[in-house]
């Protein structure tokens, strides 16, 4: 019917209006109209508005059910404080910085680091890890740690270190599952290596810790987990963990977030990948 209507009106010509030009009038469809002229054209749109003296006929397309993407854009925007900080470092150096230094700033910058000031795990965060899916994961790691302790000869004192403990879910499940094996749990001193104050608080809650009284200044925070009566200490770096004792280290999904140097082999040999800034970047 639309085709017959168009050819019946020849030699009238058609004046086309783009979607943008008619958007204030009809936001859900593209519109074109026609009037008297001498040059016929073929309408490219899905819908038509008849602008003669007779009543207007309009075909509209309802797009309200189509998927609306989230509010996110890759268009240029104002720089965040972290981006300004990184640009300042590169400008001060007079050249690019290594991927390792870039990742260290992005992840652990004291003001704007990814892990520093918020909980990044779970439905309200950016990703989820195995311990958050099922308590069986932490319990199985606990079985492994206890078997390793027996292979060591069941020493009376052992450092159990976790690097990047997240919310503390893995360690909580480990201690809860091993709590009936007193010889094992009484030998442990838990050391949580965590640089984020926010995550340290979450770990403290997950392990149901009670803080020790009269802690001297300059001494790392030490608490007692009521899950198994095990002492727990927090450290910002691995170097701060006391050494000299048998040590078991757990690092679940930790190494993939480490700031590392990257190298690539090209026609001129091995070169290190670097991060730089261009004027229009």
C-alpha atoms as a PDB file:
ATOM      1  CA  UNK A   1       0.000   0.000   0.000  1.00  0.00           C
ATOM      2  CA  UNK A   2       2.850   2.362   0.801  1.00  0.00           C
ATOM      3  CA  UNK A   3       4.441   1.687  -2.613  1.00  0.00           C
ATOM      4  CA  UNK A   4       1.165   2.436  -4.460  1.00  0.00           C
ATOM      5  CA  UNK A   5       0.651   5.601  -2.443  1.00  0.00           C
ATOM      6  CA  UNK A   6       4.085   6.903  -3.413  1.00  0.00           C
ATOM      7  CA  UNK A   7       3.770   6.226  -7.138  1.00  0.00           C
ATOM      8  CA  UNK A   8       0.214   7.648  -7.281  1.00  0.00           C
ATOM      9  CA  UNK A   9       1.600  11.031  -6.123  1.00  0.00           C
ATOM     10  CA  UNK A  10       4.208  11.371  -8.937  1.00  0.00           C
ATOM     11  CA  UNK A  11       5.525  13.756 -10.208  1.00  0.00           C
ATOM     12  CA  UNK A  12       5.530  15.109  -6.656  1.00  0.00           C
ATOM     13  CA  UNK A  13       8.908  15.075  -4.938  1.00  0.00           C
ATOM     14  CA  UNK A  14       9.800  14.110  -1.428  1.00  0.00           C
ATOM     15  CA  UNK A  15      11.507  16.128   1.247  1.00  0.00           C
ATOM     16  CA  UNK A  16      13.332  13.893   3.738  1.00  0.00           C
ATOM     17  CA  UNK A  17      13.850  14.659   7.375  1.00  0.00           C
ATOM     18  CA  UNK A  18      16.542  12.802   9.271  1.00  0.00           C
ATOM     19  CA  UNK A  19      15.926  11.103  12.621  1.00  0.00           C
ATOM     20  CA  UNK A  20      17.882  13.849  14.361  1.00  0.00           C
ATOM     21  CA  UNK A  21      15.828  16.674  12.853  1.00  0.00           C
ATOM     22  CA  UNK A  22      12.527  15.104  13.936  1.00  0.00           C
ATOM     23  CA  UNK A  23      13.703  13.723  17.242  1.00  0.00           C
ATOM     24  CA  UNK A  24      11.955  16.397  19.364  1.00  0.00           C
ATOM     25  CA  UNK A  25       8.660  15.571  17.634  1.00  0.00           C
ATOM     26  CA  UNK A  26       8.823  11.800  17.417  1.00  0.00           C
ATOM     27  CA  UNK A  27      11.634  10.115  19.304  1.00  0.00           C
ATOM     28  CA  UNK A  28      10.778   6.516  18.518  1.00  0.00           C
ATOM     29  CA  UNK A  29      10.770   6.532  14.718  1.00  0.00           C
ATOM     30  CA  UNK A  30      12.441   8.004  11.661  1.00  0.00           C
ATOM     31  CA  UNK A  31      10.133  10.352   9.708  1.00  0.00           C
ATOM     32  CA  UNK A  32      10.039  11.768   6.201  1.00  0.00           C
ATOM     33  CA  UNK A  33       7.423  13.899   4.432  1.00  0.00           C
ATOM     34  CA  UNK A  34       6.802  15.065   0.888  1.00  0.00           C
ATOM     35  CA  UNK A  35       5.511  18.198  -0.867  1.00  0.00           C
ATOM     36  CA  UNK A  36       5.175  19.647  -4.370  1.00  0.00           C
ATOM     37  CA  UNK A  37       8.393  19.901  -6.356  1.00  0.00           C
ATOM     38  CA  UNK A  38       9.863  18.878  -9.652  1.00  0.00           C
ATOM     39  CA  UNK A  39      12.381  16.164  -8.639  1.00  0.00           C
ATOM     40  CA  UNK A  40      11.180  12.804  -7.357  1.00  0.00           C
ATOM     41  CA  UNK A  41      13.312  10.974  -4.803  1.00  0.00           C
ATOM     42  CA  UNK A  42      13.050   7.575  -3.138  1.00  0.00           C
ATOM     43  CA  UNK A  43      12.313   7.688   0.585  1.00  0.00           C
ATOM     44  CA  UNK A  44      14.872   5.759   2.677  1.00  0.00           C
ATOM     45  CA  UNK A  45      12.946   5.631   5.943  1.00  0.00           C
ATOM     46  CA  UNK A  46      10.669   3.055   7.582  1.00  0.00           C
ATOM     47  CA  UNK A  47       7.884   5.521   8.328  1.00  0.00           C
ATOM     48  CA  UNK A  48       6.058   8.365   6.577  1.00  0.00           C
ATOM     49  CA  UNK A  49       4.204  11.500   7.544  1.00  0.00           C
ATOM     50  CA  UNK A  50       1.735  12.702   4.909  1.00  0.00           C
ATOM     51  CA  UNK A  51       1.714  16.515   4.813  1.00  0.00           C
ATOM     52  CA  UNK A  52      -1.211  17.185   2.431  1.00  0.00           C
ATOM     53  CA  UNK A  53      -4.487  18.844   3.322  1.00  0.00           C
ATOM     54  CA  UNK A  54      -5.962  15.463   4.197  1.00  0.00           C
ATOM     55  CA  UNK A  55      -5.430  13.920   7.664  1.00  0.00           C
ATOM     56  CA  UNK A  56      -1.850  12.920   8.461  1.00  0.00           C
ATOM     57  CA  UNK A  57      -0.879   9.247   8.139  1.00  0.00           C
ATOM     58  CA  UNK A  58       2.076   8.112  10.230  1.00  0.00           C
ATOM     59  CA  UNK A  59       3.839   4.785  10.544  1.00  0.00           C
ATOM     60  CA  UNK A  60       5.871   4.536  13.719  1.00  0.00           C
ATOM     61  CA  UNK A  61       8.232   1.871  15.041  1.00  0.00           C
ATOM     62  CA  UNK A  62       8.227   1.220  18.756  1.00  0.00           C
ATOM     63  CA  UNK A  63      11.827   0.615  19.851  1.00  0.00           C
ATOM     64  CA  UNK A  64      11.143   0.799  23.582  1.00  0.00           C
ATOM     65  CA  UNK A  65      11.828  -2.917  24.032  1.00  0.00           C
ATOM     66  CA  UNK A  66      15.294  -2.772  22.515  1.00  0.00           C
ATOM     67  CA  UNK A  67      18.349  -3.233  24.748  1.00  0.00           C
ATOM     68  CA  UNK A  68      19.658  -0.025  26.275  1.00  0.00           C
ATOM     69  CA  UNK A  69      23.428  -0.188  26.919  1.00  0.00           C
ATOM     70  CA  UNK A  70      24.746   0.852  30.336  1.00  0.00           C
ATOM     71  CA  UNK A  71      25.781   4.436  30.874  1.00  0.00           C
ATOM     72  CA  UNK A  72      29.367   4.098  29.779  1.00  0.00           C
ATOM     73  CA  UNK A  73      31.302   5.838  27.069  1.00  0.00           C
ATOM     74  CA  UNK A  74      34.760   5.606  25.565  1.00  0.00           C
ATOM     75  CA  UNK A  75      34.571   9.202  24.449  1.00  0.00           C
ATOM     76  CA  UNK A  76      37.223  11.532  25.843  1.00  0.00           C
ATOM     77  CA  UNK A  77      36.409  12.761  29.325  1.00  0.00           C
ATOM     78  CA  UNK A  78      38.081  14.796  32.000  1.00  0.00           C
ATOM     79  CA  UNK A  79      41.032  13.050  33.602  1.00  0.00           C
ATOM     80  CA  UNK A  80      40.621  11.440  36.998  1.00  0.00           C
ATOM     81  CA  UNK A  81      43.022  12.230  39.826  1.00  0.00           C
ATOM     82  CA  UNK A  82      44.857   8.971  39.173  1.00  0.00           C
ATOM     83  CA  UNK A  83      45.275   9.736  35.460  1.00  0.00           C
ATOM     84  CA  UNK A  84      46.587  13.191  36.307  1.00  0.00           C
ATOM     85  CA  UNK A  85      48.994  11.599  38.778  1.00  0.00           C
ATOM     86  CA  UNK A  86      50.271   9.115  36.179  1.00  0.00           C
ATOM     87  CA  UNK A  87      50.694  11.845  33.581  1.00  0.00           C
ATOM     88  CA  UNK A  88      52.606  13.895  36.157  1.00  0.00           C
ATOM     89  CA  UNK A  89      55.002  11.001  36.804  1.00  0.00           C
ATOM     90  CA  UNK A  90      55.633  10.495  33.087  1.00  0.00           C
ATOM     91  CA  UNK A  91      56.149  14.218  32.525  1.00  0.00           C
ATOM     92  CA  UNK A  92      58.508  14.458  35.495  1.00  0.00           C
ATOM     93  CA  UNK A  93      60.542  11.513  34.225  1.00  0.00           C
ATOM     94  CA  UNK A  94      60.664  12.954  30.751  1.00  0.00           C
ATOM     95  CA  UNK A  95      59.664   9.622  29.258  1.00  0.00           C
ATOM     96  CA  UNK A  96      57.595   6.462  29.676  1.00  0.00           C
ATOM     97  CA  UNK A  97      57.286   4.331  32.804  1.00  0.00           C
ATOM     98  CA  UNK A  98      57.335   0.536  33.049  1.00  0.00           C
ATOM     99  CA  UNK A  99      54.177  -1.567  33.104  1.00  0.00           C
ATOM    100  CA  UNK A 100      55.183  -2.642  36.621  1.00  0.00           C
ATOM    101  CA  UNK A 101      55.188   0.917  37.939  1.00  0.00           C
ATOM    102  CA  UNK A 102      51.963   1.721  36.097  1.00  0.00           C
ATOM    103  CA  UNK A 103      50.158  -1.314  37.574  1.00  0.00           C
ATOM    104  CA  UNK A 104      51.476  -0.600  41.066  1.00  0.00           C
ATOM    105  CA  UNK A 105      50.002   2.907  40.950  1.00  0.00           C
ATOM    106  CA  UNK A 106      46.686   1.754  39.454  1.00  0.00           C
ATOM    107  CA  UNK A 107      46.177  -1.028  42.015  1.00  0.00           C
ATOM    108  CA  UNK A 108      47.683   0.343  45.231  1.00  0.00           C
ATOM    109  CA  UNK A 109      47.918   4.112  44.980  1.00  0.00           C
ATOM    110  CA  UNK A 110      47.065   5.351  48.521  1.00  0.00           C
ATOM    111  CA  UNK A 111      44.328   7.685  47.285  1.00  0.00           C
ATOM    112  CA  UNK A 112      42.926   6.148  44.111  1.00  0.00           C
ATOM    113  CA  UNK A 113      44.230   2.576  43.887  1.00  0.00           C
ATOM    114  CA  UNK A 114      41.747  -0.057  42.696  1.00  0.00           C
ATOM    115  CA  UNK A 115      42.047  -2.200  45.832  1.00  0.00           C
ATOM    116  CA  UNK A 116      42.612   0.511  48.419  1.00  0.00           C
ATOM    117  CA  UNK A 117      39.371   2.272  49.301  1.00  0.00           C
ATOM    118  CA  UNK A 118      36.523  -0.115  48.459  1.00  0.00           C
ATOM    119  CA  UNK A 119      35.318  -3.704  48.419  1.00  0.00           C
ATOM    120  CA  UNK A 120      35.806  -4.907  44.845  1.00  0.00           C
ATOM    121  CA  UNK A 121      34.375  -8.408  45.333  1.00  0.00           C
ATOM    122  CA  UNK A 122      30.883  -9.837  44.901  1.00  0.00           C
ATOM    123  CA  UNK A 123      27.708  -8.550  43.293  1.00  0.00           C
ATOM    124  CA  UNK A 124      28.376  -4.949  44.318  1.00  0.00           C
ATOM    125  CA  UNK A 125      32.005  -5.118  43.145  1.00  0.00           C
ATOM    126  CA  UNK A 126      33.799  -6.007  39.926  1.00  0.00           C
ATOM    127  CA  UNK A 127      34.449  -9.760  40.167  1.00  0.00           C
ATOM    128  CA  UNK A 128      34.101 -12.828  42.370  1.00  0.00           C
ATOM    129  CA  UNK A 129      36.605 -15.490  43.446  1.00  0.00           C
ATOM    130  CA  UNK A 130      36.287 -19.192  44.300  1.00  0.00           C
ATOM    131  CA  UNK A 131      36.105 -18.807  48.119  1.00  0.00           C
ATOM    132  CA  UNK A 132      33.049 -16.560  47.705  1.00  0.00           C
ATOM    133  CA  UNK A 133      31.246 -19.241  45.679  1.00  0.00           C
ATOM    134  CA  UNK A 134      31.517 -22.145  48.132  1.00  0.00           C
ATOM    135  CA  UNK A 135      33.037 -22.716  51.572  1.00  0.00           C
ATOM    136  CA  UNK A 136      34.374 -26.052  50.280  1.00  0.00           C
ATOM    137  CA  UNK A 137      37.215 -24.251  48.531  1.00  0.00           C
ATOM    138  CA  UNK A 138      38.694 -22.850  51.741  1.00  0.00           C
ATOM    139  CA  UNK A 139      38.063 -26.116  53.583  1.00  0.00           C
ATOM    140  CA  UNK A 140      39.996 -28.065  50.942  1.00  0.00           C
ATOM    141  CA  UNK A 141      42.888 -25.619  51.119  1.00  0.00           C
ATOM    142  CA  UNK A 142      42.827 -26.185  54.886  1.00  0.00           C
ATOM    143  CA  UNK A 143      43.114 -29.953  54.391  1.00  0.00           C
ATOM    144  CA  UNK A 144      46.096 -29.359  52.116  1.00  0.00           C
ATOM    145  CA  UNK A 145      47.751 -27.048  54.659  1.00  0.00           C
ATOM    146  CA  UNK A 146      47.265 -29.572  57.476  1.00  0.00           C
ATOM    147  CA  UNK A 147      48.729 -32.403  55.371  1.00  0.00           C
ATOM    148  CA  UNK A 148      51.716 -30.192  54.575  1.00  0.00           C
ATOM    149  CA  UNK A 149      52.121 -29.416  58.290  1.00  0.00           C
ATOM    150  CA  UNK A 150      52.212 -33.164  59.031  1.00  0.00           C
ATOM    151  CA  UNK A 151      54.821 -33.670  56.308  1.00  0.00           C
ATOM    152  CA  UNK A 152      56.910 -30.968  58.014  1.00  0.00           C
ATOM    153  CA  UNK A 153      56.960 -33.099  61.125  1.00  0.00           C
ATOM    154  CA  UNK A 154      54.143 -31.274  62.932  1.00  0.00           C
ATOM    155  CA  UNK A 155      56.219 -28.306  64.147  1.00  0.00           C
ATOM    156  CA  UNK A 156      54.978 -26.515  67.272  1.00  0.00           C
ATOM    157  CA  UNK A 157      55.013 -23.094  65.574  1.00  0.00           C
ATOM    158  CA  UNK A 158      54.147 -22.365  61.956  1.00  0.00           C
ATOM    159  CA  UNK A 159      53.505 -19.146  60.041  1.00  0.00           C
ATOM    160  CA  UNK A 160      50.451 -19.465  57.808  1.00  0.00           C
ATOM    161  CA  UNK A 161      50.636 -16.529  55.383  1.00  0.00           C
ATOM    162  CA  UNK A 162      47.984 -15.441  52.912  1.00  0.00           C
ATOM    163  CA  UNK A 163      48.846 -12.931  50.206  1.00  0.00           C
ATOM    164  CA  UNK A 164      45.958 -10.774  49.005  1.00  0.00           C
ATOM    165  CA  UNK A 165      43.288 -12.325  51.296  1.00  0.00           C
ATOM    166  CA  UNK A 166      40.349 -10.424  49.784  1.00  0.00           C
ATOM    167  CA  UNK A 167      37.490 -10.433  52.288  1.00  0.00           C
ATOM    168  CA  UNK A 168      39.179 -13.127  54.392  1.00  0.00           C
ATOM    169  CA  UNK A 169      36.635 -15.732  53.274  1.00  0.00           C
ATOM    170  CA  UNK A 170      39.199 -18.385  52.351  1.00  0.00           C
ATOM    171  CA  UNK A 171      41.060 -18.126  55.655  1.00  0.00           C
ATOM    172  CA  UNK A 172      37.818 -18.114  57.637  1.00  0.00           C
ATOM    173  CA  UNK A 173      36.651 -21.334  55.953  1.00  0.00           C
ATOM    174  CA  UNK A 174      40.106 -22.861  56.454  1.00  0.00           C
ATOM    175  CA  UNK A 175      40.118 -22.159  60.206  1.00  0.00           C
ATOM    176  CA  UNK A 176      36.493 -23.164  60.670  1.00  0.00           C
ATOM    177  CA  UNK A 177      37.102 -26.499  58.949  1.00  0.00           C
ATOM    178  CA  UNK A 178      40.340 -27.197  60.849  1.00  0.00           C
ATOM    179  CA  UNK A 179      39.128 -26.002  64.255  1.00  0.00           C
ATOM    180  CA  UNK A 180      38.649 -29.572  65.562  1.00  0.00           C
ATOM    181  CA  UNK A 181      42.303 -30.432  64.910  1.00  0.00           C
ATOM    182  CA  UNK A 182      43.726 -28.590  67.903  1.00  0.00           C
ATOM    183  CA  UNK A 183      47.352 -29.623  67.461  1.00  0.00           C
ATOM    184  CA  UNK A 184      47.322 -28.034  64.017  1.00  0.00           C
ATOM    185  CA  UNK A 185      45.459 -24.814  64.832  1.00  0.00           C
ATOM    186  CA  UNK A 186      47.426 -24.240  68.056  1.00  0.00           C
ATOM    187  CA  UNK A 187      50.671 -24.272  66.064  1.00  0.00           C
ATOM    188  CA  UNK A 188      49.497 -21.570  63.656  1.00  0.00           C
ATOM    189  CA  UNK A 189      50.141 -17.859  63.573  1.00  0.00           C
ATOM    190  CA  UNK A 190      48.112 -16.313  60.736  1.00  0.00           C
ATOM    191  CA  UNK A 191      49.730 -13.485  58.779  1.00  0.00           C
ATOM    192  CA  UNK A 192      47.489 -11.559  56.373  1.00  0.00           C
ATOM    193  CA  UNK A 193      49.466  -9.529  53.809  1.00  0.00           C
ATOM    194  CA  UNK A 194      47.029  -6.802  52.778  1.00  0.00           C
ATOM    195  CA  UNK A 195      47.703  -3.192  51.775  1.00  0.00           C
ATOM    196  CA  UNK A 196      44.055  -2.059  51.726  1.00  0.00           C
ATOM    197  CA  UNK A 197      42.664  -0.676  55.009  1.00  0.00           C
ATOM    198  CA  UNK A 198      39.113  -1.349  53.798  1.00  0.00           C
ATOM    199  CA  UNK A 199      39.825  -5.015  53.085  1.00  0.00           C
ATOM    200  CA  UNK A 200      41.727  -5.388  56.362  1.00  0.00           C
ATOM    201  CA  UNK A 201      38.548  -4.436  58.224  1.00  0.00           C
ATOM    202  CA  UNK A 202      36.511  -6.954  56.219  1.00  0.00           C
ATOM    203  CA  UNK A 203      39.068  -9.673  56.950  1.00  0.00           C
ATOM    204  CA  UNK A 204      38.977  -8.790  60.651  1.00  0.00           C
ATOM    205  CA  UNK A 205      35.194  -9.291  60.600  1.00  0.00           C
ATOM    206  CA  UNK A 206      35.337 -12.533  58.593  1.00  0.00           C
ATOM    207  CA  UNK A 207      37.816 -14.103  61.010  1.00  0.00           C
ATOM    208  CA  UNK A 208      35.751 -12.899  63.988  1.00  0.00           C
ATOM    209  CA  UNK A 209      38.817 -11.384  65.579  1.00  0.00           C
ATOM    210  CA  UNK A 210      39.249  -9.819  68.989  1.00  0.00           C
ATOM    211  CA  UNK A 211      42.029  -7.246  69.218  1.00  0.00           C
ATOM    212  CA  UNK A 212      44.770  -7.641  71.774  1.00  0.00           C
ATOM    213  CA  UNK A 213      45.023  -4.972  74.433  1.00  0.00           C
ATOM    214  CA  UNK A 214      48.077  -2.830  75.181  1.00  0.00           C
ATOM    215  CA  UNK A 215      49.604  -3.206  71.734  1.00  0.00           C
ATOM    216  CA  UNK A 216      52.886  -1.266  71.609  1.00  0.00           C
ATOM    217  CA  UNK A 217      53.431   1.422  69.014  1.00  0.00           C
ATOM    218  CA  UNK A 218      55.339   0.322  65.940  1.00  0.00           C
ATOM    219  CA  UNK A 219      54.112  -3.270  66.290  1.00  0.00           C
ATOM    220  CA  UNK A 220      51.879  -4.704  63.563  1.00  0.00           C
ATOM    221  CA  UNK A 221      48.231  -5.125  64.423  1.00  0.00           C
ATOM    222  CA  UNK A 222      47.625  -8.471  66.147  1.00  0.00           C
ATOM    223  CA  UNK A 223      44.308 -10.095  66.989  1.00  0.00           C
ATOM    224  CA  UNK A 224      42.914 -13.444  68.040  1.00  0.00           C
ATOM    225  CA  UNK A 225      40.497 -15.273  65.730  1.00  0.00           C
ATOM    226  CA  UNK A 226      37.659 -16.807  67.730  1.00  0.00           C
ATOM    227  CA  UNK A 227      37.086 -19.351  64.940  1.00  0.00           C
ATOM    228  CA  UNK A 228      40.026 -21.459  66.136  1.00  0.00           C
ATOM    229  CA  UNK A 229      41.741 -19.431  68.866  1.00  0.00           C
ATOM    230  CA  UNK A 230      44.529 -18.534  66.441  1.00  0.00           C
ATOM    231  CA  UNK A 231      46.582 -15.301  66.553  1.00  0.00           C
ATOM    232  CA  UNK A 232      46.279 -13.118  63.435  1.00  0.00           C
ATOM    233  CA  UNK A 233      48.540 -10.275  62.290  1.00  0.00           C
ATOM    234  CA  UNK A 234      48.229  -7.883  59.358  1.00  0.00           C
ATOM    235  CA  UNK A 235      51.089  -6.575  57.204  1.00  0.00           C
ATOM    236  CA  UNK A 236      51.243  -4.224  54.250  1.00  0.00           C
ATOM    237  CA  UNK A 237      54.086  -6.158  52.562  1.00  0.00           C
ATOM    238  CA  UNK A 238      55.503  -9.675  52.642  1.00  0.00           C
ATOM    239  CA  UNK A 239      58.818  -8.334  53.961  1.00  0.00           C
ATOM    240  CA  UNK A 240      57.092  -7.403  57.220  1.00  0.00           C
ATOM    241  CA  UNK A 241      56.147 -11.008  57.992  1.00  0.00           C
ATOM    242  CA  UNK A 242      58.497 -12.429  60.674  1.00  0.00           C
ATOM    243  CA  UNK A 243      60.852 -15.100  59.350  1.00  0.00           C
ATOM    244  CA  UNK A 244      62.742 -17.941  61.006  1.00  0.00           C
ATOM    245  CA  UNK A 245      59.778 -20.320  61.355  1.00  0.00           C
ATOM    246  CA  UNK A 246      58.375 -22.990  59.030  1.00  0.00           C
ATOM    247  CA  UNK A 247      56.052 -21.125  56.705  1.00  0.00           C
ATOM    248  CA  UNK A 248      53.070 -22.055  54.545  1.00  0.00           C
ATOM    249  CA  UNK A 249      52.058 -19.431  51.990  1.00  0.00           C
ATOM    250  CA  UNK A 250      48.651 -19.216  50.297  1.00  0.00           C
ATOM    251  CA  UNK A 251      48.240 -16.894  47.318  1.00  0.00           C
ATOM    252  CA  UNK A 252      44.902 -17.467  45.601  1.00  0.00           C
ATOM    253  CA  UNK A 253      44.349 -15.282  42.515  1.00  0.00           C
ATOM    254  CA  UNK A 254      47.164 -13.050  43.681  1.00  0.00           C
ATOM    255  CA  UNK A 255      49.954 -13.325  41.133  1.00  0.00           C
ATOM    256  CA  UNK A 256      47.746 -12.176  38.258  1.00  0.00           C
ATOM    257  CA  UNK A 257      47.445  -8.784  40.000  1.00  0.00           C
ATOM    258  CA  UNK A 258      51.152  -8.284  40.715  1.00  0.00           C
ATOM    259  CA  UNK A 259      52.936  -5.360  39.036  1.00  0.00           C
ATOM    260  CA  UNK A 260      55.352  -7.130  36.696  1.00  0.00           C
ATOM    261  CA  UNK A 261      57.756  -6.023  33.992  1.00  0.00           C
ATOM    262  CA  UNK A 262      56.673  -7.066  30.507  1.00  0.00           C
ATOM    263  CA  UNK A 263      59.030  -7.753  27.617  1.00  0.00           C
ATOM    264  CA  UNK A 264      58.410  -8.424  23.953  1.00  0.00           C
ATOM    265  CA  UNK A 265      60.728  -9.840  21.329  1.00  0.00           C
ATOM    266  CA  UNK A 266      60.791  -7.852  18.116  1.00  0.00           C
ATOM    267  CA  UNK A 267      62.968  -7.452  15.055  1.00  0.00           C
ATOM    268  CA  UNK A 268      65.588  -5.600  17.120  1.00  0.00           C
ATOM    269  CA  UNK A 269      65.577  -8.148  19.955  1.00  0.00           C
ATOM    270  CA  UNK A 270      63.961  -8.021  23.386  1.00  0.00           C
ATOM    271  CA  UNK A 271      62.369  -4.735  24.428  1.00  0.00           C
ATOM    272  CA  UNK A 272      60.472  -3.768  27.577  1.00  0.00           C
ATOM    273  CA  UNK A 273      56.908  -2.567  27.204  1.00  0.00           C
ATOM    274  CA  UNK A 274      56.437   0.941  28.564  1.00  0.00           C
ATOM    275  CA  UNK A 275      53.534   3.312  29.272  1.00  0.00           C
ATOM    276  CA  UNK A 276      53.664   6.781  27.738  1.00  0.00           C
ATOM    277  CA  UNK A 277      51.270   9.666  27.000  1.00  0.00           C
ATOM    278  CA  UNK A 278      50.642  11.374  23.676  1.00  0.00           C
ATOM    279  CA  UNK A 279      49.329  14.867  23.295  1.00  0.00           C
ATOM    280  CA  UNK A 280      45.889  13.761  22.092  1.00  0.00           C
ATOM    281  CA  UNK A 281      45.575  10.786  24.452  1.00  0.00           C
END
